[in-house]
Amino acid sequence: MKKLYFFTIGLFLFASASAQYDLTDANNTPTAGDSYKIYKVEGSVNAGSSGADVSWDFSSLSTATEIDLLWEATDNATGNPDLYYSNPAVGLPNLKCTYDSTVMFFITSSSGMQTVGKATAYGGIMGIYQLMPYGAVVDYYDYPFAYQDKNTTSVTFSYVEQLGQFPLSGEVTGNFVVEYDGYGNITLPDGKYVSDVARIKITETYDKPSGGAGSISKIRNTFYEYREAFTPSWIARIEESIVTDATTSNDITRQNGYFVKGSQVQNVAELIANSNNMVVYPNPTVNEANISFDLDKRSDVIISVIDILGNTVSYDKMENLSAGNYNEILDMSNLTKGYYLVKLNINGKIQAQKIQKL
């Protein structure tokens, strides 16, 4: 019992701190058809600080406005805006993400996730609708994308501004910076707590050459995406967009926050909090891990390992075990690097712990 007590204390310390993880194709790339209900928060939203083991708390924000976030396959055969993204220098996108009058176009592969353009309706801001197909792909993420990694890309692209019935076009140059600037835990507006969250900061600065058509002379966007290993899309996104009117030189700022409903996010922290008699070690591991647990009565036990796509990669059922302390070895030598969920089912009661395979 002393051995079990020692490891239980170790589990408490592990669960109290957040772990950093790399963004990879397996845990960061959505697929066509993925959809989420999200809350939109308008107005000032503080994105919080960067760094290690940060707690981002958005529980005080309102959840009144609910909209949809949808990942779809692009259709380049018919209609705008998809047809507009057929620039051979860019290649055809295979995914688009749609929410709140914004469409973003992506090329996804095992080596990374790239953005090739976007369409944005600025709503009440001068009635502008913008199409922005980039002249070259932007390195959104190069997998694996780790804490403090940064990608910087210079971009030049054409655009169309639609003001009423009069389309205007021009060219924009600027910079696109993506940085993994922090990790920690997050509390969503509906109170859901999620551990082991990565934050990505995206900064876009675009300048329109003097004399170019259109009503905007400069665009400055800062986006913060909060991601966790078992949800391939972001679970929170804070956006600040500053556009400069070409005629008056006045800045117009728009800021919104978007948060996935907590019921759609895997809450590993809650499962860990209930696992007082379960310890998985070492964590991270290379080839093998031990799972230690105790039984206070004769029980049926199932131990399974789940990958980030929800697939069961290991399953072991043990029936009618007598009361006592147990230590089982998990063979992870044939699994790819990444995060997994170890689930312990004791007479129908499920406990779990996240583990990293190096």
Protein backbone atom coordinates (compact mmCIF):
# COMPACT_ATOMS: atom_id res chain seq x y z
CA MET A 1 0.00 0.00 0.00
CA LYS A 2 2.92 2.35 0.60
CA LYS A 3 3.96 1.92 -3.03
CA LEU A 4 0.49 2.81 -4.27
CA TYR A 5 0.35 5.85 -1.99
CA PHE A 6 3.66 7.13 -3.38
CA PHE A 7 2.48 6.87 -6.97
CA THR A 8 -0.89 8.46 -6.17
CA ILE A 9 0.92 11.55 -4.89
CA GLY A 10 2.95 11.55 -8.10
CA LEU A 11 -0.26 11.47 -10.16
CA PHE A 12 -1.58 14.49 -8.27
CA LEU A 13 1.55 16.46 -9.11
CA PHE A 14 1.37 15.40 -12.75
CA ALA A 15 -2.29 16.36 -13.07
CA SER A 16 -1.78 19.77 -11.45
CA ALA A 17 0.63 20.96 -14.16
CA SER A 18 -0.06 21.16 -17.87
CA ALA A 19 1.99 19.22 -20.40
CA GLN A 20 3.18 20.67 -23.68
CA TYR A 21 2.73 18.68 -26.88
CA ASP A 22 3.69 19.06 -30.52
CA LEU A 23 1.10 19.79 -33.19
CA THR A 24 1.11 16.96 -35.74
CA ASP A 25 -0.98 15.79 -38.67
CA ALA A 26 -2.63 13.23 -36.38
CA ASN A 27 -3.74 15.62 -33.65
CA ASN A 28 -4.15 18.93 -35.47
CA THR A 29 -5.67 18.32 -38.92
CA PRO A 30 -9.48 18.35 -39.18
CA THR A 31 -11.34 16.40 -41.84
CA ALA A 32 -14.22 17.38 -44.10
CA GLY A 33 -17.48 17.12 -42.21
CA ASP A 34 -16.11 18.08 -38.80
CA SER A 35 -18.50 20.56 -37.21
CA TYR A 36 -18.78 22.26 -33.84
CA LYS A 37 -21.25 24.45 -32.02
CA ILE A 38 -19.37 27.53 -30.86
CA TYR A 39 -20.11 30.59 -28.76
CA LYS A 40 -19.37 34.01 -30.25
CA VAL A 41 -18.30 36.74 -27.82
CA GLU A 42 -18.26 40.24 -29.31
CA GLY A 43 -16.20 43.11 -28.01
CA SER A 44 -13.03 43.17 -25.96
CA VAL A 45 -11.67 39.70 -25.10
CA ASN A 46 -8.35 39.46 -23.27
CA ALA A 47 -6.27 36.68 -24.83
CA GLY A 48 -4.11 36.28 -21.71
CA SER A 49 -0.37 35.86 -21.43
CA SER A 50 2.08 33.63 -23.27
CA GLY A 51 4.55 31.19 -21.71
CA ALA A 52 4.65 27.82 -19.97
CA ASP A 53 1.93 26.37 -17.74
CA VAL A 54 -0.46 29.31 -18.15
CA SER A 55 -4.09 29.29 -16.99
CA TRP A 56 -6.45 30.99 -19.46
CA ASP A 57 -9.81 31.67 -17.81
CA PHE A 58 -12.72 32.79 -20.00
CA SER A 59 -15.48 31.64 -17.63
CA SER A 60 -16.75 35.21 -17.08
CA LEU A 61 -17.65 35.67 -20.77
CA SER A 62 -21.21 35.41 -22.03
CA THR A 63 -22.42 32.36 -23.99
CA ALA A 64 -25.51 34.05 -25.41
CA THR A 65 -24.70 33.86 -29.14
CA GLU A 66 -24.32 30.39 -30.66
CA ILE A 67 -23.09 29.78 -34.23
CA ASP A 68 -21.68 26.90 -36.27
CA LEU A 69 -18.08 26.10 -37.17
CA LEU A 70 -17.81 23.79 -40.18
CA TRP A 71 -14.87 22.16 -41.96
CA GLU A 72 -15.75 21.27 -45.54
CA ALA A 73 -14.05 19.91 -48.64
CA THR A 74 -13.59 22.68 -51.21
CA ASP A 75 -15.43 22.53 -54.51
CA ASN A 76 -13.27 24.13 -57.19
CA ALA A 77 -15.52 23.14 -60.07
CA THR A 78 -18.20 25.77 -59.67
CA GLY A 79 -18.78 29.21 -58.27
CA ASN A 80 -16.93 31.74 -56.18
CA PRO A 81 -15.11 31.93 -53.89
CA ASP A 82 -13.66 28.46 -54.58
CA LEU A 83 -13.06 29.10 -58.29
CA TYR A 84 -11.07 32.16 -57.35
CA TYR A 85 -8.47 29.95 -55.65
CA SER A 86 -7.26 28.15 -58.76
CA ASN A 87 -3.91 29.96 -58.93
CA PRO A 88 -1.39 27.30 -60.15
CA ALA A 89 1.31 28.84 -57.93
CA VAL A 90 -0.79 28.01 -54.91
CA GLY A 91 -2.47 24.75 -55.80
CA LEU A 92 -6.04 23.83 -55.06
CA PRO A 93 -7.08 23.84 -51.40
CA ASN A 94 -8.65 20.69 -50.00
CA LEU A 95 -10.35 22.15 -46.94
CA LYS A 96 -12.23 25.30 -46.04
CA CYS A 97 -13.32 26.42 -42.58
CA THR A 98 -16.50 28.48 -42.37
CA TYR A 99 -17.86 30.48 -39.44
CA ASP A 100 -19.32 33.93 -38.84
CA SER A 101 -19.06 35.24 -42.44
CA THR A 102 -15.42 34.10 -42.66
CA VAL A 103 -14.07 31.38 -44.97
CA MET A 104 -10.45 30.21 -44.76
CA PHE A 105 -8.85 27.89 -47.32
CA PHE A 106 -6.23 25.27 -46.43
CA ILE A 107 -4.01 22.64 -47.98
CA THR A 108 -3.39 19.82 -45.49
CA SER A 109 -0.84 17.02 -45.57
CA SER A 110 1.24 14.89 -43.24
CA SER A 111 4.01 17.51 -43.36
CA GLY A 112 1.92 20.49 -42.35
CA MET A 113 -1.14 22.68 -42.68
CA GLN A 114 -0.93 25.62 -45.08
CA THR A 115 -3.29 28.50 -45.75
CA VAL A 116 -3.85 29.67 -49.34
CA GLY A 117 -6.36 32.46 -48.85
CA LYS A 118 -9.55 33.62 -47.20
CA ALA A 119 -12.79 35.46 -47.72
CA THR A 120 -14.09 37.87 -45.10
CA ALA A 121 -17.26 39.92 -44.80
CA TYR A 122 -16.58 42.99 -42.69
CA GLY A 123 -20.26 43.48 -42.03
CA GLY A 124 -20.96 46.98 -40.78
CA ILE A 125 -17.50 48.25 -41.68
CA MET A 126 -18.21 50.08 -44.96
CA GLY A 127 -20.05 47.03 -46.35
CA ILE A 128 -16.82 45.42 -47.50
CA TYR A 129 -16.49 41.81 -48.60
CA GLN A 130 -12.91 40.72 -49.33
CA LEU A 131 -11.52 37.79 -51.30
CA MET A 132 -7.83 37.19 -50.66
CA PRO A 133 -6.18 34.36 -52.64
CA TYR A 134 -2.50 34.25 -51.71
CA GLY A 135 0.13 34.21 -54.45
CA ALA A 136 2.04 31.50 -52.55
CA VAL A 137 1.16 29.10 -49.79
CA VAL A 138 1.73 30.31 -46.23
CA ASP A 139 3.38 27.92 -43.79
CA TYR A 140 0.64 27.76 -41.20
CA TYR A 141 2.21 24.82 -39.34
CA ASP A 142 5.20 22.66 -40.27
CA TYR A 143 4.70 19.35 -38.47
CA PRO A 144 5.85 18.69 -35.86
CA PHE A 145 5.18 22.22 -34.56
CA ALA A 146 6.57 22.53 -31.03
CA TYR A 147 6.52 25.08 -28.22
CA GLN A 148 8.34 28.30 -29.24
CA ASP A 149 8.50 27.27 -32.92
CA LYS A 150 7.82 30.15 -35.31
CA ASN A 151 7.12 30.39 -39.05
CA THR A 152 7.46 33.71 -40.90
CA THR A 153 6.34 34.10 -44.51
CA SER A 154 6.30 37.14 -46.79
CA VAL A 155 3.18 37.20 -48.93
CA THR A 156 1.91 39.04 -51.98
CA PHE A 157 -1.61 38.45 -53.17
CA SER A 158 -4.42 39.96 -55.17
CA TYR A 159 -7.78 40.70 -53.63
CA VAL A 160 -11.27 41.83 -54.47
CA GLU A 161 -13.30 44.23 -52.35
CA GLN A 162 -16.99 44.20 -53.05
CA LEU A 163 -18.67 47.49 -52.10
CA GLY A 164 -22.28 47.20 -53.11
CA GLN A 165 -22.33 46.52 -56.87
CA PHE A 166 -18.86 47.93 -57.53
CA PRO A 167 -15.99 45.42 -57.18
CA LEU A 168 -12.51 46.85 -56.62
CA SER A 169 -9.29 44.93 -56.99
CA GLY A 170 -5.66 45.43 -56.06
CA GLU A 171 -2.54 43.83 -54.69
CA VAL A 172 -1.34 43.46 -51.12
CA THR A 173 2.07 42.68 -49.66
CA GLY A 174 2.84 41.78 -46.10
CA ASN A 175 4.01 39.26 -43.51
CA PHE A 176 2.40 36.21 -41.94
CA VAL A 177 3.88 35.02 -38.60
CA VAL A 178 2.75 31.88 -36.75
CA GLU A 179 4.18 31.11 -33.31
CA TYR A 180 3.52 28.43 -30.69
CA ASP A 181 3.73 30.92 -27.85
CA GLY A 182 2.28 29.12 -24.83
CA TYR A 183 0.78 26.06 -23.22
CA GLY A 184 -1.33 25.46 -20.14
CA ASN A 185 -5.01 24.96 -19.30
CA ILE A 186 -8.16 26.77 -20.30
CA THR A 187 -11.60 27.37 -18.78
CA LEU A 188 -14.20 27.95 -21.49
CA PRO A 189 -17.09 30.43 -21.12
CA ASP A 190 -19.52 27.63 -20.20
CA GLY A 191 -17.22 26.55 -17.34
CA LYS A 192 -15.55 23.56 -19.01
CA TYR A 193 -11.95 23.09 -17.81
CA VAL A 194 -9.48 21.57 -20.28
CA SER A 195 -5.89 20.68 -19.46
CA ASP A 196 -2.84 20.40 -21.75
CA VAL A 197 -3.76 23.19 -24.16
CA ALA A 198 -1.42 24.67 -26.80
CA ARG A 199 -1.77 28.31 -27.86
CA ILE A 200 -0.84 29.49 -31.36
CA LYS A 201 -0.41 33.21 -32.09
CA ILE A 202 -0.95 34.27 -35.71
CA THR A 203 0.01 37.79 -36.79
CA GLU A 204 -0.84 39.14 -40.24
CA THR A 205 0.26 42.58 -41.47
CA TYR A 206 -0.75 43.64 -44.98
CA ASP A 207 -0.01 46.96 -46.72
CA LYS A 208 -1.69 48.03 -49.92
CA PRO A 209 0.66 49.91 -52.30
CA SER A 210 -0.02 53.61 -52.65
CA GLY A 211 -2.58 54.31 -55.34
CA GLY A 212 -4.15 50.84 -55.25
CA ALA A 213 -7.90 50.63 -55.67
CA GLY A 214 -10.14 49.92 -52.71
CA SER A 215 -11.05 51.57 -49.45
CA ILE A 216 -8.51 49.88 -47.12
CA SER A 217 -4.84 50.82 -47.01
CA LYS A 218 -3.61 48.53 -44.23
CA ILE A 219 -4.77 45.39 -42.42
CA ARG A 220 -3.37 44.16 -39.11
CA ASN A 221 -4.75 40.91 -37.73
CA THR A 222 -3.80 39.06 -34.56
CA PHE A 223 -5.37 35.66 -33.89
CA TYR A 224 -4.92 33.38 -30.89
CA GLU A 225 -5.87 29.72 -31.34
CA TYR A 226 -6.13 27.40 -28.33
CA ARG A 227 -5.80 23.71 -29.17
CA GLU A 228 -5.79 20.40 -27.30
CA ALA A 229 -4.60 16.99 -28.44
CA PHE A 230 -7.98 15.25 -28.76
CA THR A 231 -9.84 17.96 -30.75
CA PRO A 232 -8.38 18.46 -34.27
CA SER A 233 -9.90 21.94 -34.64
CA TRP A 234 -9.24 24.84 -32.29
CA ILE A 235 -11.37 24.96 -29.13
CA ALA A 236 -11.02 28.74 -28.75
CA ARG A 237 -10.02 31.51 -31.16
CA ILE A 238 -9.66 35.21 -30.31
CA GLU A 239 -9.47 37.60 -33.26
CA GLU A 240 -8.47 41.25 -33.44
CA SER A 241 -8.61 42.94 -36.84
CA ILE A 242 -7.54 46.56 -37.42
CA VAL A 243 -8.23 48.02 -40.86
CA THR A 244 -7.08 51.49 -41.92
CA ASP A 245 -9.41 53.55 -44.12
CA ALA A 246 -7.45 54.67 -47.18
CA THR A 247 -9.34 57.98 -47.39
CA THR A 248 -9.42 59.13 -43.76
CA SER A 249 -6.45 57.10 -42.40
CA ASN A 250 -8.70 56.18 -39.45
CA ASP A 251 -8.32 52.76 -37.85
CA ILE A 252 -11.38 50.58 -37.38
CA THR A 253 -10.98 47.74 -34.89
CA ARG A 254 -13.03 44.57 -34.69
CA GLN A 255 -12.49 42.01 -31.93
CA ASN A 256 -14.36 38.76 -31.32
CA GLY A 257 -13.87 35.56 -29.38
CA TYR A 258 -15.06 32.11 -30.49
CA PHE A 259 -15.28 29.16 -28.08
CA VAL A 260 -16.32 25.58 -28.76
CA LYS A 261 -19.08 24.34 -26.45
CA GLY A 262 -17.51 22.45 -23.58
CA SER A 263 -19.64 19.34 -24.13
CA GLN A 264 -17.80 18.77 -27.43
CA VAL A 265 -14.32 18.83 -25.88
CA GLN A 266 -12.70 15.73 -24.35
CA ASN A 267 -12.23 16.64 -20.68
CA VAL A 268 -9.30 14.45 -19.72
CA ALA A 269 -8.76 16.44 -16.53
CA GLU A 270 -12.12 15.29 -15.14
CA LEU A 271 -11.27 11.65 -15.83
CA ILE A 272 -7.88 12.02 -14.15
CA ALA A 273 -9.47 13.62 -11.09
CA ASN A 274 -11.52 10.46 -10.55
CA SER A 275 -8.58 8.07 -10.95
CA ASN A 276 -7.20 8.00 -7.41
CA ASN A 277 -6.35 4.30 -7.64
CA MET A 278 -4.82 4.45 -11.12
CA VAL A 279 -1.27 5.45 -12.07
CA VAL A 280 0.41 5.23 -15.49
CA TYR A 281 4.20 5.59 -15.51
CA PRO A 282 6.71 6.50 -16.81
CA ASN A 283 5.09 9.37 -18.63
CA PRO A 284 6.31 10.19 -21.27
CA THR A 285 7.48 6.74 -22.27
CA VAL A 286 9.42 5.17 -25.15
CA ASN A 287 8.43 1.49 -25.37
CA GLU A 288 6.60 0.34 -22.24
CA ALA A 289 4.43 1.85 -19.55
CA ASN A 290 3.09 0.46 -16.30
CA ILE A 291 -0.48 0.86 -15.15
CA SER A 292 -0.93 0.43 -11.40
CA PHE A 293 -4.36 0.13 -9.76
CA ASP A 294 -6.01 -1.52 -6.78
CA LEU A 295 -9.26 -3.38 -6.34
CA ASP A 296 -11.25 -3.38 -3.12
CA LYS A 297 -13.36 -6.34 -4.26
CA ARG A 298 -13.50 -9.02 -6.94
CA SER A 299 -13.91 -7.19 -10.27
CA ASP A 300 -13.91 -7.36 -14.04
CA VAL A 301 -11.23 -5.08 -15.53
CA ILE A 302 -10.67 -3.75 -19.05
CA ILE A 303 -7.54 -1.81 -19.97
CA SER A 304 -7.55 -0.05 -23.34
CA VAL A 305 -5.41 2.51 -25.14
CA ILE A 306 -7.09 5.09 -27.42
CA ASP A 307 -5.34 7.25 -30.01
CA ILE A 308 -6.25 10.87 -30.71
CA LEU A 309 -8.56 9.85 -33.55
CA GLY A 310 -10.63 7.75 -31.14
CA ASN A 311 -9.32 4.39 -32.36
CA THR A 312 -8.71 1.61 -29.83
CA VAL A 313 -5.10 0.50 -30.42
CA SER A 314 -4.84 -1.86 -27.41
CA TYR A 315 -7.48 -3.86 -25.51
CA ASP A 316 -7.07 -6.25 -22.60
CA LYS A 317 -9.98 -7.75 -20.67
CA MET A 318 -9.41 -9.51 -17.34
CA GLU A 319 -12.39 -11.12 -15.63
CA ASN A 320 -13.09 -11.93 -12.01
CA LEU A 321 -9.87 -10.51 -10.52
CA SER A 322 -9.59 -10.79 -6.74
CA ALA A 323 -9.14 -7.75 -4.47
CA GLY A 324 -5.59 -6.39 -4.26
CA ASN A 325 -3.00 -4.21 -5.96
CA TYR A 326 -2.12 -4.80 -9.61
CA ASN A 327 0.59 -3.62 -11.97
CA GLU A 328 0.22 -4.36 -15.68
CA ILE A 329 2.69 -3.60 -18.48
CA LEU A 330 1.50 -1.75 -21.58
CA ASP A 331 3.53 -2.52 -24.71
CA MET A 332 3.67 0.73 -26.74
CA SER A 333 6.70 -0.14 -28.87
CA ASN A 334 4.68 -0.48 -32.07
CA LEU A 335 2.72 2.77 -31.63
CA THR A 336 3.63 5.99 -33.39
CA LYS A 337 4.86 8.99 -31.43
CA GLY A 338 2.12 11.16 -29.97
CA TYR A 339 -0.55 11.31 -27.29
CA TYR A 340 -2.83 8.48 -26.17
CA LEU A 341 -5.52 7.95 -23.59
CA VAL A 342 -5.15 4.95 -21.27
CA LYS A 343 -8.59 3.87 -20.03
CA LEU A 344 -9.21 1.64 -17.03
CA ASN A 345 -12.70 0.15 -16.76
CA ILE A 346 -13.44 -1.45 -13.37
CA ASN A 347 -16.93 -2.93 -13.26
CA GLY A 348 -18.17 -0.26 -15.65
CA LYS A 349 -16.50 2.68 -13.86
CA ILE A 350 -14.07 4.35 -16.27
CA GLN A 351 -10.91 6.17 -15.26
CA ALA A 352 -8.31 7.53 -17.66
CA GLN A 353 -4.96 9.22 -18.02
CA LYS A 354 -3.29 10.88 -20.98
CA ILE A 355 0.16 9.50 -21.88
CA GLN A 356 2.79 10.60 -24.39
CA LYS A 357 4.76 8.13 -26.54
CA LEU A 358 8.20 9.47 -27.50
